[in-house]
Full PDB file with SEQRES, HELIX, SHEET, SSBOND, CRYST1, ORIGX, SCALE, CONECT and MASTER records, all heavy atoms in Angstrom:
SEQRES   1 A   32  THR GLY LEU GLY LEU ARG PHE SER GLU ASP ASP PHE SER          
SEQRES   2 A   32  ALA ASP LEU GLU ILE LEU LEU LEU ARG TYR HIS GLN VAL          
SEQRES   3 A   32  ARG ASP THR THR ILE PRO                                      
SHEET    1 AA1 2 GLY A   2  GLU A   9  0                                        
SHEET    2 AA1 2 PHE A  12  LEU A  19 -1                                        
CRYST1    1.000    1.000    1.000  90.00  90.00  90.00 P 1           1          
ORIGX1      1.000000  0.000000  0.000000        0.00000                         
ORIGX2      0.000000  1.000000  0.000000        0.00000                         
ORIGX3      0.000000  0.000000  1.000000        0.00000                         
SCALE1      1.000000  0.000000  0.000000        0.00000                         
SCALE2      0.000000  1.000000  0.000000        0.00000                         
SCALE3      0.000000  0.000000  1.000000        0.00000                         
ATOM      1  N   THR A   1     116.262 -54.686   0.697  1.00  0.00           N  
ATOM      2  CA  THR A   1     116.162 -55.788  -0.234  1.00  0.00           C  
ATOM      3  C   THR A   1     117.172 -56.846   0.159  1.00  0.00           C  
ATOM      4  O   THR A   1     118.018 -56.629   1.042  1.00  0.00           O  
ATOM      5  CB  THR A   1     116.385 -55.331  -1.689  1.00  0.00           C  
ATOM      6  OG1 THR A   1     116.074 -56.419  -2.579  1.00  0.00           O  
ATOM      7  CG2 THR A   1     117.820 -54.897  -1.910  1.00  0.00           C  
ATOM      8  N   GLY A   2     117.101 -57.986  -0.490  1.00  0.00           N  
ATOM      9  CA  GLY A   2     118.019 -59.071  -0.153  1.00  0.00           C  
ATOM     10  C   GLY A   2     117.595 -60.342  -0.856  1.00  0.00           C  
ATOM     11  O   GLY A   2     117.153 -60.315  -2.015  1.00  0.00           O  
ATOM     12  N   LEU A   3     117.701 -61.456  -0.150  1.00  0.00           N  
ATOM     13  CA  LEU A   3     117.337 -62.764  -0.701  1.00  0.00           C  
ATOM     14  C   LEU A   3     116.525 -63.534   0.321  1.00  0.00           C  
ATOM     15  O   LEU A   3     116.719 -63.393   1.530  1.00  0.00           O  
ATOM     16  CB  LEU A   3     118.591 -63.557  -1.075  1.00  0.00           C  
ATOM     17  CG  LEU A   3     119.445 -63.020  -2.221  1.00  0.00           C  
ATOM     18  CD1 LEU A   3     120.725 -63.839  -2.351  1.00  0.00           C  
ATOM     19  CD2 LEU A   3     118.661 -63.054  -3.539  1.00  0.00           C  
ATOM     20  N   GLY A   4     115.607 -64.346  -0.179  1.00  0.00           N  
ATOM     21  CA  GLY A   4     114.793 -65.173   0.690  1.00  0.00           C  
ATOM     22  C   GLY A   4     114.617 -66.561   0.096  1.00  0.00           C  
ATOM     23  O   GLY A   4     114.692 -66.755  -1.119  1.00  0.00           O  
ATOM     24  N   LEU A   5     114.364 -67.531   0.967  1.00  0.00           N  
ATOM     25  CA  LEU A   5     114.119 -68.897   0.538  1.00  0.00           C  
ATOM     26  C   LEU A   5     113.021 -69.480   1.421  1.00  0.00           C  
ATOM     27  O   LEU A   5     113.140 -69.483   2.649  1.00  0.00           O  
ATOM     28  CB  LEU A   5     115.388 -69.750   0.650  1.00  0.00           C  
ATOM     29  CG  LEU A   5     115.263 -71.215   0.208  1.00  0.00           C  
ATOM     30  CD1 LEU A   5     114.907 -71.296  -1.274  1.00  0.00           C  
ATOM     31  CD2 LEU A   5     116.556 -71.974   0.507  1.00  0.00           C  
ATOM     32  N   ARG A   6     111.956 -69.960   0.773  1.00  0.00           N  
ATOM     33  CA  ARG A   6     110.808 -70.495   1.503  1.00  0.00           C  
ATOM     34  C   ARG A   6     110.648 -71.983   1.189  1.00  0.00           C  
ATOM     35  O   ARG A   6     110.751 -72.410   0.039  1.00  0.00           O  
ATOM     36  CB  ARG A   6     109.545 -69.735   1.127  1.00  0.00           C  
ATOM     37  CG  ARG A   6     108.300 -70.127   1.895  1.00  0.00           C  
ATOM     38  CD  ARG A   6     107.123 -69.228   1.529  1.00  0.00           C  
ATOM     39  NE  ARG A   6     107.401 -67.847   1.898  1.00  0.00           N  
ATOM     40  CZ  ARG A   6     107.396 -66.845   1.031  1.00  0.00           C  
ATOM     41  NH1 ARG A   6     107.167 -67.074  -0.253  1.00  0.00           N  
ATOM     42  NH2 ARG A   6     107.639 -65.612   1.442  1.00  0.00           N  
ATOM     43  N   PHE A   7     110.401 -72.766   2.233  1.00  0.00           N  
ATOM     44  CA  PHE A   7     110.139 -74.202   2.093  1.00  0.00           C  
ATOM     45  C   PHE A   7     108.768 -74.494   2.691  1.00  0.00           C  
ATOM     46  O   PHE A   7     108.434 -74.007   3.773  1.00  0.00           O  
ATOM     47  CB  PHE A   7     111.206 -75.028   2.822  1.00  0.00           C  
ATOM     48  CG  PHE A   7     110.894 -76.495   2.852  1.00  0.00           C  
ATOM     49  CD1 PHE A   7     111.216 -77.302   1.773  1.00  0.00           C  
ATOM     50  CD2 PHE A   7     110.281 -77.074   3.957  1.00  0.00           C  
ATOM     51  CE1 PHE A   7     110.930 -78.665   1.790  1.00  0.00           C  
ATOM     52  CE2 PHE A   7     109.994 -78.425   3.986  1.00  0.00           C  
ATOM     53  CZ  PHE A   7     110.324 -79.223   2.905  1.00  0.00           C  
ATOM     54  N   SER A   8     107.972 -75.309   1.994  1.00  0.00           N  
ATOM     55  CA  SER A   8     106.636 -75.615   2.480  1.00  0.00           C  
ATOM     56  C   SER A   8     106.275 -77.050   2.116  1.00  0.00           C  
ATOM     57  O   SER A   8     106.452 -77.466   0.953  1.00  0.00           O  
ATOM     58  CB  SER A   8     105.613 -74.650   1.880  1.00  0.00           C  
ATOM     59  OG  SER A   8     104.320 -74.949   2.329  1.00  0.00           O  
ATOM     60  N   GLU A   9     105.815 -77.780   3.116  1.00  0.00           N  
ATOM     61  CA  GLU A   9     105.356 -79.150   2.878  1.00  0.00           C  
ATOM     62  C   GLU A   9     104.347 -79.523   3.957  1.00  0.00           C  
ATOM     63  O   GLU A   9     104.647 -79.467   5.148  1.00  0.00           O  
ATOM     64  CB  GLU A   9     106.520 -80.133   2.888  1.00  0.00           C  
ATOM     65  CG  GLU A   9     106.089 -81.563   2.564  1.00  0.00           C  
ATOM     66  CD  GLU A   9     107.268 -82.521   2.487  1.00  0.00           C  
ATOM     67  OE1 GLU A   9     108.301 -82.222   3.126  1.00  0.00           O  
ATOM     68  OE2 GLU A   9     107.151 -83.549   1.797  1.00  0.00           O  
ATOM     69  N   ASP A  10     103.141 -79.877   3.517  1.00  0.00           N  
ATOM     70  CA  ASP A  10     102.061 -80.247   4.431  1.00  0.00           C  
ATOM     71  C   ASP A  10     101.821 -79.139   5.456  1.00  0.00           C  
ATOM     72  O   ASP A  10     101.542 -78.017   5.081  1.00  0.00           O  
ATOM     73  CB  ASP A  10     102.372 -81.586   5.105  1.00  0.00           C  
ATOM     74  CG  ASP A  10     102.507 -82.727   4.100  1.00  0.00           C  
ATOM     75  OD1 ASP A  10     101.836 -82.661   3.057  1.00  0.00           O  
ATOM     76  OD2 ASP A  10     103.301 -83.648   4.353  1.00  0.00           O  
ATOM     77  N   ASP A  11     101.957 -79.448   6.742  1.00  0.00           N  
ATOM     78  CA  ASP A  11     101.665 -78.479   7.801  1.00  0.00           C  
ATOM     79  C   ASP A  11     102.886 -77.680   8.245  1.00  0.00           C  
ATOM     80  O   ASP A  11     102.798 -76.891   9.192  1.00  0.00           O  
ATOM     81  CB  ASP A  11     101.088 -79.197   9.028  1.00  0.00           C  
ATOM     82  CG  ASP A  11      99.743 -79.832   8.736  1.00  0.00           C  
ATOM     83  OD1 ASP A  11      98.988 -79.266   7.922  1.00  0.00           O  
ATOM     84  OD2 ASP A  11      99.450 -80.898   9.309  1.00  0.00           O  
ATOM     85  N   PHE A  12     104.009 -77.866   7.582  1.00  0.00           N  
ATOM     86  CA  PHE A  12     105.252 -77.187   8.002  1.00  0.00           C  
ATOM     87  C   PHE A  12     105.730 -76.238   6.919  1.00  0.00           C  
ATOM     88  O   PHE A  12     105.684 -76.543   5.716  1.00  0.00           O  
ATOM     89  CB  PHE A  12     106.347 -78.208   8.292  1.00  0.00           C  
ATOM     90  CG  PHE A  12     107.663 -77.578   8.645  1.00  0.00           C  
ATOM     91  CD1 PHE A  12     107.888 -77.067   9.916  1.00  0.00           C  
ATOM     92  CD2 PHE A  12     108.687 -77.483   7.706  1.00  0.00           C  
ATOM     93  CE1 PHE A  12     109.096 -76.473  10.249  1.00  0.00           C  
ATOM     94  CE2 PHE A  12     109.904 -76.904   8.028  1.00  0.00           C  
ATOM     95  CZ  PHE A  12     110.108 -76.403   9.313  1.00  0.00           C  
ATOM     96  N   SER A  13     106.220 -75.080   7.344  1.00  0.00           N  
ATOM     97  CA  SER A  13     106.836 -74.131   6.418  1.00  0.00           C  
ATOM     98  C   SER A  13     107.982 -73.418   7.126  1.00  0.00           C  
ATOM     99  O   SER A  13     107.961 -73.233   8.351  1.00  0.00           O  
ATOM    100  CB  SER A  13     105.817 -73.102   5.903  1.00  0.00           C  
ATOM    101  OG  SER A  13     105.332 -72.308   6.961  1.00  0.00           O  
ATOM    102  N   ALA A  14     108.978 -73.039   6.371  1.00  0.00           N  
ATOM    103  CA  ALA A  14     110.130 -72.304   6.896  1.00  0.00           C  
ATOM    104  C   ALA A  14     110.532 -71.246   5.880  1.00  0.00           C  
ATOM    105  O   ALA A  14     110.415 -71.456   4.665  1.00  0.00           O  
ATOM    106  CB  ALA A  14     111.300 -73.244   7.185  1.00  0.00           C  
ATOM    107  N   ASP A  15     110.995 -70.119   6.392  1.00  0.00           N  
ATOM    108  CA  ASP A  15     111.317 -68.981   5.538  1.00  0.00           C  
ATOM    109  C   ASP A  15     112.561 -68.296   6.098  1.00  0.00           C  
ATOM    110  O   ASP A  15     112.566 -67.819   7.222  1.00  0.00           O  
ATOM    111  CB  ASP A  15     110.132 -68.013   5.526  1.00  0.00           C  
ATOM    112  CG  ASP A  15     110.298 -66.902   4.498  1.00  0.00           C  
ATOM    113  OD1 ASP A  15     111.442 -66.540   4.187  1.00  0.00           O  
ATOM    114  OD2 ASP A  15     109.284 -66.399   4.009  1.00  0.00           O  
ATOM    115  N   LEU A  16     113.619 -68.267   5.296  1.00  0.00           N  
ATOM    116  CA  LEU A  16     114.841 -67.556   5.669  1.00  0.00           C  
ATOM    117  C   LEU A  16     114.971 -66.343   4.766  1.00  0.00           C  
ATOM    118  O   LEU A  16     115.013 -66.470   3.540  1.00  0.00           O  
ATOM    119  CB  LEU A  16     116.068 -68.457   5.528  1.00  0.00           C  
ATOM    120  CG  LEU A  16     117.421 -67.771   5.796  1.00  0.00           C  
ATOM    121  CD1 LEU A  16     117.500 -67.267   7.236  1.00  0.00           C  
ATOM    122  CD2 LEU A  16     118.579 -68.722   5.494  1.00  0.00           C  
ATOM    123  N   GLU A  17     115.047 -65.145   5.394  1.00  0.00           N  
ATOM    124  CA  GLU A  17     115.138 -63.907   4.636  1.00  0.00           C  
ATOM    125  C   GLU A  17     116.313 -63.085   5.150  1.00  0.00           C  
ATOM    126  O   GLU A  17     116.412 -62.814   6.352  1.00  0.00           O  
ATOM    127  CB  GLU A  17     113.828 -63.118   4.777  1.00  0.00           C  
ATOM    128  CG  GLU A  17     113.747 -61.879   3.918  1.00  0.00           C  
ATOM    129  CD  GLU A  17     112.369 -61.247   3.985  1.00  0.00           C  
ATOM    130  OE1 GLU A  17     111.482 -61.663   3.217  1.00  0.00           O  
ATOM    131  OE2 GLU A  17     112.173 -60.341   4.825  1.00  0.00           O  
ATOM    132  N   ILE A  18     117.194 -62.686   4.257  1.00  0.00           N  
ATOM    133  CA  ILE A  18     118.372 -61.903   4.603  1.00  0.00           C  
ATOM    134  C   ILE A  18     118.249 -60.538   3.945  1.00  0.00           C  
ATOM    135  O   ILE A  18     118.165 -60.434   2.718  1.00  0.00           O  
ATOM    136  CB  ILE A  18     119.660 -62.611   4.153  1.00  0.00           C  
ATOM    137  CG1 ILE A  18     119.758 -63.997   4.808  1.00  0.00           C  
ATOM    138  CG2 ILE A  18     120.883 -61.775   4.493  1.00  0.00           C  
ATOM    139  CD1 ILE A  18     120.925 -64.822   4.317  1.00  0.00           C  
ATOM    140  N   LEU A  19     118.234 -59.475   4.774  1.00  0.00           N  
ATOM    141  CA  LEU A  19     117.976 -58.132   4.274  1.00  0.00           C  
ATOM    142  C   LEU A  19     119.148 -57.199   4.536  1.00  0.00           C  
ATOM    143  O   LEU A  19     119.811 -57.274   5.575  1.00  0.00           O  
ATOM    144  CB  LEU A  19     116.741 -57.538   4.962  1.00  0.00           C  
ATOM    145  CG  LEU A  19     115.380 -58.141   4.639  1.00  0.00           C  
ATOM    146  CD1 LEU A  19     114.311 -57.448   5.464  1.00  0.00           C  
ATOM    147  CD2 LEU A  19     115.064 -58.027   3.153  1.00  0.00           C  
ATOM    148  N   LEU A  20     119.367 -56.302   3.587  1.00  0.00           N  
ATOM    149  CA  LEU A  20     120.199 -55.124   3.765  1.00  0.00           C  
ATOM    150  C   LEU A  20     119.272 -53.918   3.686  1.00  0.00           C  
ATOM    151  O   LEU A  20     118.498 -53.784   2.732  1.00  0.00           O  
ATOM    152  CB  LEU A  20     121.275 -55.039   2.686  1.00  0.00           C  
ATOM    153  CG  LEU A  20     122.365 -56.113   2.730  1.00  0.00           C  
ATOM    154  CD1 LEU A  20     123.283 -55.976   1.514  1.00  0.00           C  
ATOM    155  CD2 LEU A  20     123.177 -56.001   4.006  1.00  0.00           C  
ATOM    156  N   LEU A  21     119.333 -53.041   4.695  1.00  0.00           N  
ATOM    157  CA  LEU A  21     118.419 -51.915   4.765  1.00  0.00           C  
ATOM    158  C   LEU A  21     119.176 -50.597   4.828  1.00  0.00           C  
ATOM    159  O   LEU A  21     120.286 -50.539   5.366  1.00  0.00           O  
ATOM    160  CB  LEU A  21     117.501 -52.047   5.995  1.00  0.00           C  
ATOM    161  CG  LEU A  21     116.651 -53.310   6.058  1.00  0.00           C  
ATOM    162  CD1 LEU A  21     117.122 -54.179   7.207  1.00  0.00           C  
ATOM    163  CD2 LEU A  21     115.180 -52.984   6.215  1.00  0.00           C  
ATOM    164  N   ARG A  22     118.526 -49.569   4.282  1.00  0.00           N  
ATOM    165  CA  ARG A  22     119.111 -48.230   4.303  1.00  0.00           C  
ATOM    166  C   ARG A  22     118.094 -47.233   4.854  1.00  0.00           C  
ATOM    167  O   ARG A  22     116.878 -47.380   4.682  1.00  0.00           O  
ATOM    168  CB  ARG A  22     119.509 -47.794   2.891  1.00  0.00           C  
ATOM    169  CG  ARG A  22     120.664 -48.572   2.301  1.00  0.00           C  
ATOM    170  CD  ARG A  22     121.988 -48.150   2.876  1.00  0.00           C  
ATOM    171  NE  ARG A  22     122.335 -46.766   2.537  1.00  0.00           N  
ATOM    172  CZ  ARG A  22     123.415 -46.141   2.990  1.00  0.00           C  
ATOM    173  NH1 ARG A  22     124.256 -46.765   3.812  1.00  0.00           N  
ATOM    174  NH2 ARG A  22     123.665 -44.898   2.638  1.00  0.00           N  
ATOM    175  N   TYR A  23     118.632 -46.207   5.536  1.00  0.00           N  
ATOM    176  CA  TYR A  23     117.820 -45.088   6.003  1.00  0.00           C  
ATOM    177  C   TYR A  23     118.396 -43.808   5.428  1.00  0.00           C  
ATOM    178  O   TYR A  23     119.617 -43.619   5.392  1.00  0.00           O  
ATOM    179  CB  TYR A  23     117.827 -45.014   7.529  1.00  0.00           C  
ATOM    180  CG  TYR A  23     117.349 -43.690   8.070  1.00  0.00           C  
ATOM    181  CD1 TYR A  23     115.993 -43.370   8.094  1.00  0.00           C  
ATOM    182  CD2 TYR A  23     118.260 -42.738   8.532  1.00  0.00           C  
ATOM    183  CE1 TYR A  23     115.561 -42.145   8.569  1.00  0.00           C  
ATOM    184  CE2 TYR A  23     117.830 -41.506   9.015  1.00  0.00           C  
ATOM    185  CZ  TYR A  23     116.483 -41.215   9.029  1.00  0.00           C  
ATOM    186  OH  TYR A  23     116.062 -40.008   9.501  1.00  0.00           O  
ATOM    187  N   HIS A  24     117.508 -42.918   4.960  1.00  0.00           N  
ATOM    188  CA  HIS A  24     117.965 -41.629   4.431  1.00  0.00           C  
ATOM    189  C   HIS A  24     116.900 -40.580   4.756  1.00  0.00           C  
ATOM    190  O   HIS A  24     115.698 -40.865   4.721  1.00  0.00           O  
ATOM    191  CB  HIS A  24     118.172 -41.694   2.920  1.00  0.00           C  
ATOM    192  CG  HIS A  24     118.595 -40.385   2.317  1.00  0.00           C  
ATOM    193  ND1 HIS A  24     119.832 -39.821   2.552  1.00  0.00           N  
ATOM    194  CD2 HIS A  24     117.924 -39.520   1.503  1.00  0.00           C  
ATOM    195  CE1 HIS A  24     119.919 -38.671   1.897  1.00  0.00           C  
ATOM    196  NE2 HIS A  24     118.783 -38.473   1.261  1.00  0.00           N  
ATOM    197  N   GLN A  25     117.347 -39.387   5.098  1.00  0.00           N  
ATOM    198  CA  GLN A  25     116.408 -38.296   5.375  1.00  0.00           C  
ATOM    199  C   GLN A  25     116.954 -36.984   4.853  1.00  0.00           C  
ATOM    200  O   GLN A  25     118.160 -36.804   4.705  1.00  0.00           O  
ATOM    201  CB  GLN A  25     116.102 -38.211   6.879  1.00  0.00           C  
ATOM    202  CG  GLN A  25     117.252 -37.721   7.748  1.00  0.00           C  
ATOM    203  CD  GLN A  25     117.197 -36.229   8.022  1.00  0.00           C  
ATOM    204  OE1 GLN A  25     116.220 -35.567   7.692  1.00  0.00           O  
ATOM    205  NE2 GLN A  25     118.256 -35.710   8.627  1.00  0.00           N  
ATOM    206  N   VAL A  26     116.018 -36.058   4.574  1.00  0.00           N  
ATOM    207  CA  VAL A  26     116.366 -34.741   4.035  1.00  0.00           C  
ATOM    208  C   VAL A  26     115.666 -33.666   4.857  1.00  0.00           C  
ATOM    209  O   VAL A  26     114.440 -33.700   5.027  1.00  0.00           O  
ATOM    210  CB  VAL A  26     115.947 -34.613   2.551  1.00  0.00           C  
ATOM    211  CG1 VAL A  26     116.278 -33.208   2.026  1.00  0.00           C  
ATOM    212  CG2 VAL A  26     116.632 -35.676   1.707  1.00  0.00           C  
ATOM    213  N   ARG A  27     116.446 -32.754   5.431  1.00  0.00           N  
ATOM    214  CA  ARG A  27     115.969 -31.528   6.081  1.00  0.00           C  
ATOM    215  C   ARG A  27     115.253 -31.745   7.412  1.00  0.00           C  
ATOM    216  O   ARG A  27     114.591 -30.835   7.888  1.00  0.00           O  
ATOM    217  CB  ARG A  27     115.044 -30.736   5.140  1.00  0.00           C  
ATOM    218  CG  ARG A  27     115.703 -30.241   3.872  1.00  0.00           C  
ATOM    219  CD  ARG A  27     114.827 -29.196   3.210  1.00  0.00           C  
ATOM    220  NE  ARG A  27     115.363 -28.766   1.930  1.00  0.00           N  
ATOM    221  CZ  ARG A  27     114.920 -29.224   0.772  1.00  0.00           C  
ATOM    222  NH1 ARG A  27     113.946 -30.095   0.745  1.00  0.00           N  
ATOM    223  NH2 ARG A  27     115.459 -28.792  -0.347  1.00  0.00           N  
ATOM    224  N   ASP A  28     115.348 -32.867   8.012  1.00  0.00           N  
ATOM    225  CA  ASP A  28     114.746 -33.030   9.340  1.00  0.00           C  
ATOM    226  C   ASP A  28     115.839 -32.805  10.382  1.00  0.00           C  
ATOM    227  O   ASP A  28     116.655 -33.683  10.663  1.00  0.00           O  
ATOM    228  CB  ASP A  28     114.137 -34.421   9.498  1.00  0.00           C  
ATOM    229  CG  ASP A  28     113.314 -34.539  10.778  1.00  0.00           C  
ATOM    230  OD1 ASP A  28     113.477 -33.685  11.673  1.00  0.00           O  
ATOM    231  OD2 ASP A  28     112.505 -35.467  10.873  1.00  0.00           O  
ATOM    232  N   THR A  29     115.840 -31.622  10.959  1.00  0.00           N  
ATOM    233  CA  THR A  29     116.906 -31.255  11.892  1.00  0.00           C  
ATOM    234  C   THR A  29     116.744 -31.894  13.263  1.00  0.00           C  
ATOM    235  O   THR A  29     117.634 -31.772  14.104  1.00  0.00           O  
ATOM    236  CB  THR A  29     116.948 -29.732  12.055  1.00  0.00           C  
ATOM    237  OG1 THR A  29     115.667 -29.257  12.511  1.00  0.00           O  
ATOM    238  CG2 THR A  29     117.287 -29.060  10.718  1.00  0.00           C  
ATOM    239  N   THR A  30     115.627 -32.567  13.521  1.00  0.00           N  
ATOM    240  CA  THR A  30     115.446 -33.234  14.814  1.00  0.00           C  
ATOM    241  C   THR A  30     116.212 -34.543  14.896  1.00  0.00           C  
ATOM    242  O   THR A  30     116.371 -35.099  15.982  1.00  0.00           O  
ATOM    243  CB  THR A  30     113.956 -33.514  15.076  1.00  0.00           C  
ATOM    244  OG1 THR A  30     113.464 -34.426  14.085  1.00  0.00           O  
ATOM    245  CG2 THR A  30     113.160 -32.229  15.023  1.00  0.00           C  
ATOM    246  N   ILE A  31     116.695 -35.034  13.770  1.00  0.00           N  
ATOM    247  CA  ILE A  31     117.457 -36.280  13.739  1.00  0.00           C  
ATOM    248  C   ILE A  31     118.914 -35.948  13.434  1.00  0.00           C  
ATOM    249  O   ILE A  31     119.210 -35.251  12.452  1.00  0.00           O  
ATOM    250  CB  ILE A  31     116.885 -37.250  12.696  1.00  0.00           C  
ATOM    251  CG1 ILE A  31     115.448 -37.616  13.079  1.00  0.00           C  
ATOM    252  CG2 ILE A  31     117.737 -38.508  12.583  1.00  0.00           C  
ATOM    253  CD1 ILE A  31     114.776 -38.521  12.106  1.00  0.00           C  
ATOM    254  N   PRO A  32     119.850 -36.446  14.235  1.00  0.00           N  
ATOM    255  CA  PRO A  32     121.242 -36.003  14.125  1.00  0.00           C  
ATOM    256  C   PRO A  32     122.024 -36.617  12.971  1.00  0.00           C  
ATOM    257  O   PRO A  32     123.200 -36.298  12.813  1.00  0.00           O  
ATOM    258  CB  PRO A  32     121.843 -36.427  15.469  1.00  0.00           C  
ATOM    259  CG  PRO A  32     121.017 -37.588  15.898  1.00  0.00           C  
ATOM    260  CD  PRO A  32     119.631 -37.322  15.394  1.00  0.00           C  
TER     261      PRO A  32                                                      
MASTER        0    0    0    0    2    0    0    6  260    1    0    3          
END                                                                             
């Protein structure tokens, strides 16, 4: 999740998205 800001006008658009991500696993011994 994070924050995003989108701008759009006529044929132009811009999108800035800043994310913080997490990974979590349970009982998978193949991943260290």
